[in-house]
């Protein structure tokens, strides 16, 4: 059997993307379940005085979505702290 040689940086990127996709599917399933529960139990988001307010699943969807968006930016738009640190280190070496 042939041994695979992987580019370590590409392998890390592939693992990060696979992890993001798994996180995204979990986000969709959990939030769909929360919204379904909300809908089936009366679909009311009550404020302090009984008036209609923000549905309670919206908070989970919003804040988890913010975290998921930050994860997407880091994984797919190339914000890599190790790569940035390497570039800064090389810049500092050139300045010496």
PDB file of N, CA and C in Angstrom:
ATOM      1  N   UNK A   1       0.841  -1.185   0.000  1.00  0.00           N
ATOM      2  CA  UNK A   1       0.000   0.000   0.000  1.00  0.00           C
ATOM      3  C   UNK A   1       0.879   1.239   0.000  1.00  0.00           C
ATOM      4  N   UNK A   2       0.494   2.208  -0.751  1.00  0.00           N
ATOM      5  CA  UNK A   2       1.262   3.437  -0.915  1.00  0.00           C
ATOM      6  C   UNK A   2       0.990   4.409   0.236  1.00  0.00           C
ATOM      7  N   UNK A   3       2.056   4.983   0.773  1.00  0.00           N
ATOM      8  CA  UNK A   3       1.925   5.959   1.850  1.00  0.00           C
ATOM      9  C   UNK A   3       1.628   7.329   1.249  1.00  0.00           C
ATOM     10  N   UNK A   4       0.604   7.985   1.793  1.00  0.00           N
ATOM     11  CA  UNK A   4       0.251   9.317   1.319  1.00  0.00           C
ATOM     12  C   UNK A   4       1.134  10.356   1.989  1.00  0.00           C
ATOM     13  N   UNK A   5       1.636  11.264   1.187  1.00  0.00           N
ATOM     14  CA  UNK A   5       2.349  12.405   1.761  1.00  0.00           C
ATOM     15  C   UNK A   5       1.443  13.605   1.592  1.00  0.00           C
ATOM     16  N   UNK A   6       1.122  14.204   2.709  1.00  0.00           N
ATOM     17  CA  UNK A   6       0.191  15.328   2.688  1.00  0.00           C
ATOM     18  C   UNK A   6       0.943  16.617   2.960  1.00  0.00           C
ATOM     19  N   UNK A   7       0.496  17.648   2.286  1.00  0.00           N
ATOM     20  CA  UNK A   7       0.974  18.983   2.613  1.00  0.00           C
ATOM     21  C   UNK A   7       0.329  19.344   3.944  1.00  0.00           C
ATOM     22  N   UNK A   8       1.125  19.588   4.990  1.00  0.00           N
ATOM     23  CA  UNK A   8       0.548  19.837   6.321  1.00  0.00           C
ATOM     24  C   UNK A   8      -0.412  21.023   6.358  1.00  0.00           C
ATOM     25  N   UNK A   9      -0.099  22.068   5.623  1.00  0.00           N
ATOM     26  CA  UNK A   9      -0.959  23.250   5.625  1.00  0.00           C
ATOM     27  C   UNK A   9      -2.299  22.955   4.948  1.00  0.00           C
ATOM     28  N   UNK A  10      -2.261  22.255   3.821  1.00  0.00           N
ATOM     29  CA  UNK A  10      -3.499  21.892   3.130  1.00  0.00           C
ATOM     30  C   UNK A  10      -4.328  20.909   3.957  1.00  0.00           C
ATOM     31  N   UNK A  11      -3.641  20.004   4.645  1.00  0.00           N
ATOM     32  CA  UNK A  11      -4.334  19.036   5.491  1.00  0.00           C
ATOM     33  C   UNK A  11      -5.054  19.750   6.636  1.00  0.00           C
ATOM     34  N   UNK A  12      -4.410  20.728   7.252  1.00  0.00           N
ATOM     35  CA  UNK A  12      -5.036  21.508   8.320  1.00  0.00           C
ATOM     36  C   UNK A  12      -6.253  22.260   7.789  1.00  0.00           C
ATOM     37  N   UNK A  13      -6.111  22.832   6.601  1.00  0.00           N
ATOM     38  CA  UNK A  13      -7.219  23.571   5.988  1.00  0.00           C
ATOM     39  C   UNK A  13      -8.386  22.632   5.678  1.00  0.00           C
ATOM     40  N   UNK A  14      -8.087  21.448   5.169  1.00  0.00           N
ATOM     41  CA  UNK A  14      -9.137  20.469   4.863  1.00  0.00           C
ATOM     42  C   UNK A  14      -9.867  20.046   6.136  1.00  0.00           C
ATOM     43  N   UNK A  15      -9.128  19.812   7.214  1.00  0.00           N
ATOM     44  CA  UNK A  15      -9.747  19.428   8.480  1.00  0.00           C
ATOM     45  C   UNK A  15     -10.619  20.559   9.027  1.00  0.00           C
ATOM     46  N   UNK A  16     -10.139  21.797   8.918  1.00  0.00           N
ATOM     47  CA  UNK A  16     -10.913  22.948   9.402  1.00  0.00           C
ATOM     48  C   UNK A  16     -12.208  23.097   8.618  1.00  0.00           C
ATOM     49  N   UNK A  17     -12.153  22.885   7.313  1.00  0.00           N
ATOM     50  CA  UNK A  17     -13.355  23.005   6.486  1.00  0.00           C
ATOM     51  C   UNK A  17     -14.344  21.885   6.786  1.00  0.00           C
ATOM     52  N   UNK A  18     -13.844  20.681   6.977  1.00  0.00           N
ATOM     53  CA  UNK A  18     -14.730  19.564   7.325  1.00  0.00           C
ATOM     54  C   UNK A  18     -15.393  19.817   8.676  1.00  0.00           C
ATOM     55  N   UNK A  19     -14.647  20.341   9.621  1.00  0.00           N
ATOM     56  CA  UNK A  19     -15.193  20.654  10.938  1.00  0.00           C
ATOM     57  C   UNK A  19     -16.254  21.749  10.832  1.00  0.00           C
ATOM     58  N   UNK A  20     -16.004  22.765  10.008  1.00  0.00           N
ATOM     59  CA  UNK A  20     -16.990  23.829   9.812  1.00  0.00           C
ATOM     60  C   UNK A  20     -18.279  23.263   9.229  1.00  0.00           C
ATOM     61  N   UNK A  21     -18.176  22.408   8.218  1.00  0.00           N
ATOM     62  CA  UNK A  21     -19.372  21.837   7.584  1.00  0.00           C
ATOM     63  C   UNK A  21     -20.195  21.044   8.589  1.00  0.00           C
ATOM     64  N   UNK A  22     -19.521  20.292   9.449  1.00  0.00           N
ATOM     65  CA  UNK A  22     -20.211  19.539  10.489  1.00  0.00           C
ATOM     66  C   UNK A  22     -20.916  20.491  11.462  1.00  0.00           C
ATOM     67  N   UNK A  23     -20.235  21.554  11.847  1.00  0.00           N
ATOM     68  CA  UNK A  23     -20.802  22.559  12.746  1.00  0.00           C
ATOM     69  C   UNK A  23     -22.020  23.220  12.092  1.00  0.00           C
ATOM     70  N   UNK A  24     -21.933  23.512  10.811  1.00  0.00           N
ATOM     71  CA  UNK A  24     -23.028  24.158  10.095  1.00  0.00           C
ATOM     72  C   UNK A  24     -24.263  23.260  10.041  1.00  0.00           C
ATOM     73  N   UNK A  25     -24.071  21.974   9.764  1.00  0.00           N
ATOM     74  CA  UNK A  25     -25.200  21.039   9.719  1.00  0.00           C
ATOM     75  C   UNK A  25     -25.839  20.936  11.105  1.00  0.00           C
ATOM     76  N   UNK A  26     -25.031  20.887  12.147  1.00  0.00           N
ATOM     77  CA  UNK A  26     -25.554  20.856  13.515  1.00  0.00           C
ATOM     78  C   UNK A  26     -26.364  22.111  13.805  1.00  0.00           C
ATOM     79  N   UNK A  27     -25.844  23.272  13.407  1.00  0.00           N
ATOM     80  CA  UNK A  27     -26.540  24.548  13.579  1.00  0.00           C
ATOM     81  C   UNK A  27     -27.915  24.502  12.922  1.00  0.00           C
ATOM     82  N   UNK A  28     -27.965  24.027  11.671  1.00  0.00           N
ATOM     83  CA  UNK A  28     -29.236  23.968  10.945  1.00  0.00           C
ATOM     84  C   UNK A  28     -30.231  23.031  11.628  1.00  0.00           C
ATOM     85  N   UNK A  29     -29.776  21.843  12.019  1.00  0.00           N
ATOM     86  CA  UNK A  29     -30.679  20.862  12.629  1.00  0.00           C
ATOM     87  C   UNK A  29     -31.193  21.325  13.991  1.00  0.00           C
ATOM     88  N   UNK A  30     -30.307  21.833  14.832  1.00  0.00           N
ATOM     89  CA  UNK A  30     -30.718  22.272  16.162  1.00  0.00           C
ATOM     90  C   UNK A  30     -31.669  23.466  16.060  1.00  0.00           C
ATOM     91  N   UNK A  31     -31.331  24.426  15.221  1.00  0.00           N
ATOM     92  CA  UNK A  31     -32.193  25.601  15.104  1.00  0.00           C
ATOM     93  C   UNK A  31     -33.536  25.270  14.467  1.00  0.00           C
ATOM     94  N   UNK A  32     -33.547  24.380  13.497  1.00  0.00           N
ATOM     95  CA  UNK A  32     -34.820  23.954  12.904  1.00  0.00           C
ATOM     96  C   UNK A  32     -35.691  23.290  13.975  1.00  0.00           C
ATOM     97  N   UNK A  33     -35.082  22.487  14.833  1.00  0.00           N
ATOM     98  CA  UNK A  33     -35.816  21.840  15.915  1.00  0.00           C
ATOM     99  C   UNK A  33     -36.363  22.864  16.905  1.00  0.00           C
ATOM    100  N   UNK A  34     -35.549  23.843  17.285  1.00  0.00           N
ATOM    101  CA  UNK A  34     -36.003  24.875  18.222  1.00  0.00           C
ATOM    102  C   UNK A  34     -37.173  25.678  17.648  1.00  0.00           C
ATOM    103  N   UNK A  35     -37.058  26.052  16.375  1.00  0.00           N
ATOM    104  CA  UNK A  35     -38.152  26.809  15.746  1.00  0.00           C
ATOM    105  C   UNK A  35     -39.399  25.954  15.616  1.00  0.00           C
ATOM    106  N   UNK A  36     -39.253  24.660  15.347  1.00  0.00           N
ATOM    107  CA  UNK A  36     -40.413  23.771  15.269  1.00  0.00           C
ATOM    108  C   UNK A  36     -41.091  23.657  16.635  1.00  0.00           C
ATOM    109  N   UNK A  37     -40.306  23.503  17.696  1.00  0.00           N
ATOM    110  CA  UNK A  37     -40.861  23.454  19.050  1.00  0.00           C
ATOM    111  C   UNK A  37     -41.617  24.748  19.349  1.00  0.00           C
ATOM    112  N   UNK A  38     -41.009  25.860  19.013  1.00  0.00           N
ATOM    113  CA  UNK A  38     -41.647  27.157  19.243  1.00  0.00           C
ATOM    114  C   UNK A  38     -42.989  27.233  18.502  1.00  0.00           C
ATOM    115  N   UNK A  39     -42.988  26.812  17.245  1.00  0.00           N
ATOM    116  CA  UNK A  39     -44.200  26.867  16.428  1.00  0.00           C
ATOM    117  C   UNK A  39     -45.292  25.952  16.982  1.00  0.00           C
ATOM    118  N   UNK A  40     -44.904  24.723  17.357  1.00  0.00           N
ATOM    119  CA  UNK A  40     -45.883  23.743  17.822  1.00  0.00           C
ATOM    120  C   UNK A  40     -46.426  24.047  19.211  1.00  0.00           C
ATOM    121  N   UNK A  41     -45.726  24.863  19.967  1.00  0.00           N
ATOM    122  CA  UNK A  41     -46.187  25.187  21.323  1.00  0.00           C
ATOM    123  C   UNK A  41     -46.900  26.532  21.383  1.00  0.00           C
ATOM    124  N   UNK A  42     -47.317  27.045  20.268  1.00  0.00           N
ATOM    125  CA  UNK A  42     -48.120  28.246  20.270  1.00  0.00           C
ATOM    126  C   UNK A  42     -47.510  29.405  19.533  1.00  0.00           C
ATOM    127  N   UNK A  43     -46.281  29.331  19.157  1.00  0.00           N
ATOM    128  CA  UNK A  43     -45.617  30.371  18.359  1.00  0.00           C
ATOM    129  C   UNK A  43     -45.803  31.758  18.931  1.00  0.00           C
ATOM    130  N   UNK A  44     -45.641  31.876  20.227  1.00  0.00           N
ATOM    131  CA  UNK A  44     -45.775  33.184  20.851  1.00  0.00           C
ATOM    132  C   UNK A  44     -44.468  33.571  21.528  1.00  0.00           C
ATOM    133  N   UNK A  45     -44.023  34.774  21.237  1.00  0.00           N
ATOM    134  CA  UNK A  45     -42.894  35.328  21.959  1.00  0.00           C
ATOM    135  C   UNK A  45     -43.450  36.444  22.810  1.00  0.00           C
ATOM    136  N   UNK A  46     -43.658  36.190  24.072  1.00  0.00           N
ATOM    137  CA  UNK A  46     -44.329  37.167  24.913  1.00  0.00           C
ATOM    138  C   UNK A  46     -43.340  38.084  25.611  1.00  0.00           C
ATOM    139  N   UNK A  47     -43.666  39.346  25.617  1.00  0.00           N
ATOM    140  CA  UNK A  47     -42.885  40.337  26.342  1.00  0.00           C
ATOM    141  C   UNK A  47     -43.312  40.382  27.801  1.00  0.00           C
ATOM    142  N   UNK A  48     -42.911  41.421  28.505  1.00  0.00           N
ATOM    143  CA  UNK A  48     -43.213  41.529  29.934  1.00  0.00           C
ATOM    144  C   UNK A  48     -44.703  41.686  30.220  1.00  0.00           C
ATOM    145  N   UNK A  49     -45.402  42.389  29.386  1.00  0.00           N
ATOM    146  CA  UNK A  49     -46.816  42.656  29.644  1.00  0.00           C
ATOM    147  C   UNK A  49     -47.740  41.810  28.762  1.00  0.00           C
ATOM    148  N   UNK A  50     -47.221  40.740  28.202  1.00  0.00           N
ATOM    149  CA  UNK A  50     -48.048  39.854  27.393  1.00  0.00           C
ATOM    150  C   UNK A  50     -48.120  40.206  25.922  1.00  0.00           C
ATOM    151  N   UNK A  51     -47.500  41.339  25.525  1.00  0.00           N
ATOM    152  CA  UNK A  51     -47.523  41.691  24.107  1.00  0.00           C
ATOM    153  C   UNK A  51     -46.547  40.808  23.330  1.00  0.00           C
ATOM    154  N   UNK A  52     -46.775  40.734  22.044  1.00  0.00           N
ATOM    155  CA  UNK A  52     -45.900  39.919  21.196  1.00  0.00           C
ATOM    156  C   UNK A  52     -44.486  40.488  21.221  1.00  0.00           C
ATOM    157  N   UNK A  53     -43.524  39.625  21.346  1.00  0.00           N
ATOM    158  CA  UNK A  53     -42.127  40.040  21.381  1.00  0.00           C
ATOM    159  C   UNK A  53     -41.296  39.214  20.425  1.00  0.00           C
ATOM    160  N   UNK A  54     -40.042  39.157  20.686  1.00  0.00           N
ATOM    161  CA  UNK A  54     -39.129  38.376  19.852  1.00  0.00           C
ATOM    162  C   UNK A  54     -39.258  36.903  20.227  1.00  0.00           C
ATOM    163  N   UNK A  55     -39.444  36.025  19.250  1.00  0.00           N
ATOM    164  CA  UNK A  55     -39.539  34.593  19.550  1.00  0.00           C
ATOM    165  C   UNK A  55     -38.255  34.100  20.232  1.00  0.00           C
ATOM    166  N   UNK A  56     -38.398  33.246  21.232  1.00  0.00           N
ATOM    167  CA  UNK A  56     -37.234  32.814  21.996  1.00  0.00           C
ATOM    168  C   UNK A  56     -36.176  32.078  21.161  1.00  0.00           C
ATOM    169  N   UNK A  57     -36.510  31.316  20.103  1.00  0.00           N
ATOM    170  CA  UNK A  57     -35.432  30.666  19.330  1.00  0.00           C
ATOM    171  C   UNK A  57     -34.553  31.657  18.562  1.00  0.00           C
ATOM    172  N   UNK A  58     -35.034  32.889  18.406  1.00  0.00           N
ATOM    173  CA  UNK A  58     -34.267  33.879  17.657  1.00  0.00           C
ATOM    174  C   UNK A  58     -32.925  34.160  18.325  1.00  0.00           C
ATOM    175  N   UNK A  59     -32.897  34.110  19.654  1.00  0.00           N
ATOM    176  CA  UNK A  59     -31.645  34.405  20.368  1.00  0.00           C
ATOM    177  C   UNK A  59     -30.579  33.350  20.082  1.00  0.00           C
ATOM    178  N   UNK A  60     -30.976  32.089  20.110  1.00  0.00           N
ATOM    179  CA  UNK A  60     -30.029  31.008  19.796  1.00  0.00           C
ATOM    180  C   UNK A  60     -29.560  31.117  18.351  1.00  0.00           C
ATOM    181  N   UNK A  61     -30.503  31.331  17.456  1.00  0.00           N
ATOM    182  CA  UNK A  61     -30.169  31.445  16.039  1.00  0.00           C
ATOM    183  C   UNK A  61     -29.218  32.611  15.800  1.00  0.00           C
ATOM    184  N   UNK A  62     -29.487  33.742  16.420  1.00  0.00           N
ATOM    185  CA  UNK A  62     -28.664  34.935  16.227  1.00  0.00           C
ATOM    186  C   UNK A  62     -27.243  34.758  16.760  1.00  0.00           C
ATOM    187  N   UNK A  63     -27.125  34.430  18.039  1.00  0.00           N
ATOM    188  CA  UNK A  63     -25.798  34.398  18.639  1.00  0.00           C
ATOM    189  C   UNK A  63     -24.954  33.222  18.154  1.00  0.00           C
ATOM    190  N   UNK A  64     -25.562  32.068  17.973  1.00  0.00           N
ATOM    191  CA  UNK A  64     -24.830  30.939  17.414  1.00  0.00           C
ATOM    192  C   UNK A  64     -24.447  31.255  15.968  1.00  0.00           C
ATOM    193  N   UNK A  65     -25.334  31.931  15.256  1.00  0.00           N
ATOM    194  CA  UNK A  65     -25.050  32.332  13.871  1.00  0.00           C
ATOM    195  C   UNK A  65     -23.876  33.291  13.778  1.00  0.00           C
ATOM    196  N   UNK A  66     -23.744  34.191  14.750  1.00  0.00           N
ATOM    197  CA  UNK A  66     -22.593  35.098  14.770  1.00  0.00           C
ATOM    198  C   UNK A  66     -21.302  34.301  14.920  1.00  0.00           C
ATOM    199  N   UNK A  67     -21.307  33.351  15.838  1.00  0.00           N
ATOM    200  CA  UNK A  67     -20.129  32.503  16.019  1.00  0.00           C
ATOM    201  C   UNK A  67     -19.821  31.677  14.787  1.00  0.00           C
ATOM    202  N   UNK A  68     -20.858  31.157  14.157  1.00  0.00           N
ATOM    203  CA  UNK A  68     -20.677  30.358  12.943  1.00  0.00           C
ATOM    204  C   UNK A  68     -20.132  31.216  11.807  1.00  0.00           C
ATOM    205  N   UNK A  69     -20.595  32.448  11.712  1.00  0.00           N
ATOM    206  CA  UNK A  69     -20.097  33.368  10.682  1.00  0.00           C
ATOM    207  C   UNK A  69     -18.618  33.668  10.905  1.00  0.00           C
ATOM    208  N   UNK A  70     -18.232  33.888  12.147  1.00  0.00           N
ATOM    209  CA  UNK A  70     -16.815  34.123  12.453  1.00  0.00           C
ATOM    210  C   UNK A  70     -15.977  32.902  12.082  1.00  0.00           C
ATOM    211  N   UNK A  71     -16.509  31.723  12.351  1.00  0.00           N
ATOM    212  CA  UNK A  71     -15.806  30.489  11.983  1.00  0.00           C
ATOM    213  C   UNK A  71     -15.667  30.386  10.472  1.00  0.00           C
ATOM    214  N   UNK A  72     -16.731  30.714   9.732  1.00  0.00           N
ATOM    215  CA  UNK A  72     -16.690  30.687   8.266  1.00  0.00           C
ATOM    216  C   UNK A  72     -15.606  31.625   7.737  1.00  0.00           C
ATOM    217  N   UNK A  73     -15.570  32.832   8.267  1.00  0.00           N
ATOM    218  CA  UNK A  73     -14.573  33.817   7.829  1.00  0.00           C
ATOM    219  C   UNK A  73     -13.169  33.275   8.065  1.00  0.00           C
ATOM    220  N   UNK A  74     -12.945  32.706   9.220  1.00  0.00           N
ATOM    221  CA  UNK A  74     -11.611  32.175   9.547  1.00  0.00           C
ATOM    222  C   UNK A  74     -11.227  31.017   8.633  1.00  0.00           C
ATOM    223  N   UNK A  75     -12.179  30.141   8.341  1.00  0.00           N
ATOM    224  CA  UNK A  75     -11.865  28.933   7.570  1.00  0.00           C
ATOM    225  C   UNK A  75     -11.810  29.183   6.071  1.00  0.00           C
ATOM    226  N   UNK A  76     -12.785  29.912   5.538  1.00  0.00           N
ATOM    227  CA  UNK A  76     -12.890  30.049   4.082  1.00  0.00           C
ATOM    228  C   UNK A  76     -12.297  31.335   3.515  1.00  0.00           C
ATOM    229  N   UNK A  77     -12.158  32.352   4.318  1.00  0.00           N
ATOM    230  CA  UNK A  77     -11.620  33.603   3.790  1.00  0.00           C
ATOM    231  C   UNK A  77     -10.150  33.796   4.154  1.00  0.00           C
ATOM    232  N   UNK A  78      -9.554  32.756   4.683  1.00  0.00           N
ATOM    233  CA  UNK A  78      -8.108  32.721   4.842  1.00  0.00           C
ATOM    234  C   UNK A  78      -7.522  33.472   6.015  1.00  0.00           C
ATOM    235  N   UNK A  79      -8.293  33.728   7.048  1.00  0.00           N
ATOM    236  CA  UNK A  79      -7.692  34.345   8.218  1.00  0.00           C
ATOM    237  C   UNK A  79      -7.026  33.227   9.011  1.00  0.00           C
ATOM    238  N   UNK A  80      -5.731  33.171   8.883  1.00  0.00           N
ATOM    239  CA  UNK A  80      -4.953  32.117   9.528  1.00  0.00           C
ATOM    240  C   UNK A  80      -3.899  32.780  10.394  1.00  0.00           C
ATOM    241  N   UNK A  81      -4.045  32.655  11.689  1.00  0.00           N
ATOM    242  CA  UNK A  81      -3.126  33.331  12.606  1.00  0.00           C
ATOM    243  C   UNK A  81      -1.705  32.793  12.496  1.00  0.00           C
ATOM    244  N   UNK A  82      -1.558  31.512  12.227  1.00  0.00           N
ATOM    245  CA  UNK A  82      -0.208  30.939  12.078  1.00  0.00           C
ATOM    246  C   UNK A  82       0.496  31.523  10.860  1.00  0.00           C
ATOM    247  N   UNK A  83      -0.232  31.654   9.765  1.00  0.00           N
ATOM    248  CA  UNK A  83       0.347  32.212   8.554  1.00  0.00           C
ATOM    249  C   UNK A  83       0.701  33.689   8.761  1.00  0.00           C
ATOM    250  N   UNK A  84      -0.184  34.428   9.455  1.00  0.00           N
ATOM    251  CA  UNK A  84       0.090  35.833   9.732  1.00  0.00           C
ATOM    252  C   UNK A  84       1.305  35.977  10.643  1.00  0.00           C
ATOM    253  N   UNK A  85       1.411  35.103  11.620  1.00  0.00           N
ATOM    254  CA  UNK A  85       2.566  35.142  12.525  1.00  0.00           C
ATOM    255  C   UNK A  85       3.846  34.834  11.766  1.00  0.00           C
ATOM    256  N   UNK A  86       3.788  33.883  10.847  1.00  0.00           N
ATOM    257  CA  UNK A  86       4.971  33.541  10.049  1.00  0.00           C
ATOM    258  C   UNK A  86       5.403  34.728   9.195  1.00  0.00           C
ATOM    259  N   UNK A  87       4.443  35.408   8.566  1.00  0.00           N
ATOM    260  CA  UNK A  87       4.782  36.585   7.752  1.00  0.00           C
ATOM    261  C   UNK A  87       5.389  37.695   8.602  1.00  0.00           C
ATOM    262  N   UNK A  88       4.835  37.919   9.777  1.00  0.00           N
ATOM    263  CA  UNK A  88       5.363  38.953  10.672  1.00  0.00           C
ATOM    264  C   UNK A  88       6.775  38.604  11.129  1.00  0.00           C
ATOM    265  N   UNK A  89       6.988  37.333  11.438  1.00  0.00           N
ATOM    266  CA  UNK A  89       8.321  36.880  11.839  1.00  0.00           C
ATOM    267  C   UNK A  89       9.336  37.115  10.722  1.00  0.00           C
ATOM    268  N   UNK A  90       8.962  36.766   9.499  1.00  0.00           N
ATOM    269  CA  UNK A  90       9.863  36.961   8.359  1.00  0.00           C
ATOM    270  C   UNK A  90      10.141  38.449   8.129  1.00  0.00           C
ATOM    271  N   UNK A  91       9.135  39.287   8.324  1.00  0.00           N
ATOM    272  CA  UNK A  91       9.321  40.739   8.189  1.00  0.00           C
ATOM    273  C   UNK A  91      10.301  41.254   9.232  1.00  0.00           C
ATOM    274  N   UNK A  92      10.168  40.765  10.445  1.00  0.00           N
ATOM    275  CA  UNK A  92      11.076  41.174  11.511  1.00  0.00           C
ATOM    276  C   UNK A  92      12.510  40.716  11.238  1.00  0.00           C
ATOM    277  N   UNK A  93      12.650  39.534  10.685  1.00  0.00           N
ATOM    278  CA  UNK A  93      13.984  39.042  10.328  1.00  0.00           C
ATOM    279  C   UNK A  93      14.632  39.935   9.271  1.00  0.00           C
ATOM    280  N   UNK A  94      13.858  40.373   8.289  1.00  0.00           N
ATOM    281  CA  UNK A  94      14.397  41.244   7.238  1.00  0.00           C
ATOM    282  C   UNK A  94      14.816  42.604   7.792  1.00  0.00           C
ATOM    283  N   UNK A  95      14.145  43.073   8.836  1.00  0.00           N
ATOM    284  CA  UNK A  95      14.460  44.372   9.406  1.00  0.00           C
ATOM    285  C   UNK A  95      15.765  44.373  10.205  1.00  0.00           C
ATOM    286  N   UNK A  96      16.193  43.226  10.638  1.00  0.00           N
ATOM    287  CA  UNK A  96      17.418  43.160  11.451  1.00  0.00           C
ATOM    288  C   UNK A  96      18.654  43.431  10.643  1.00  0.00           C
TER     289      UNK A  96
END
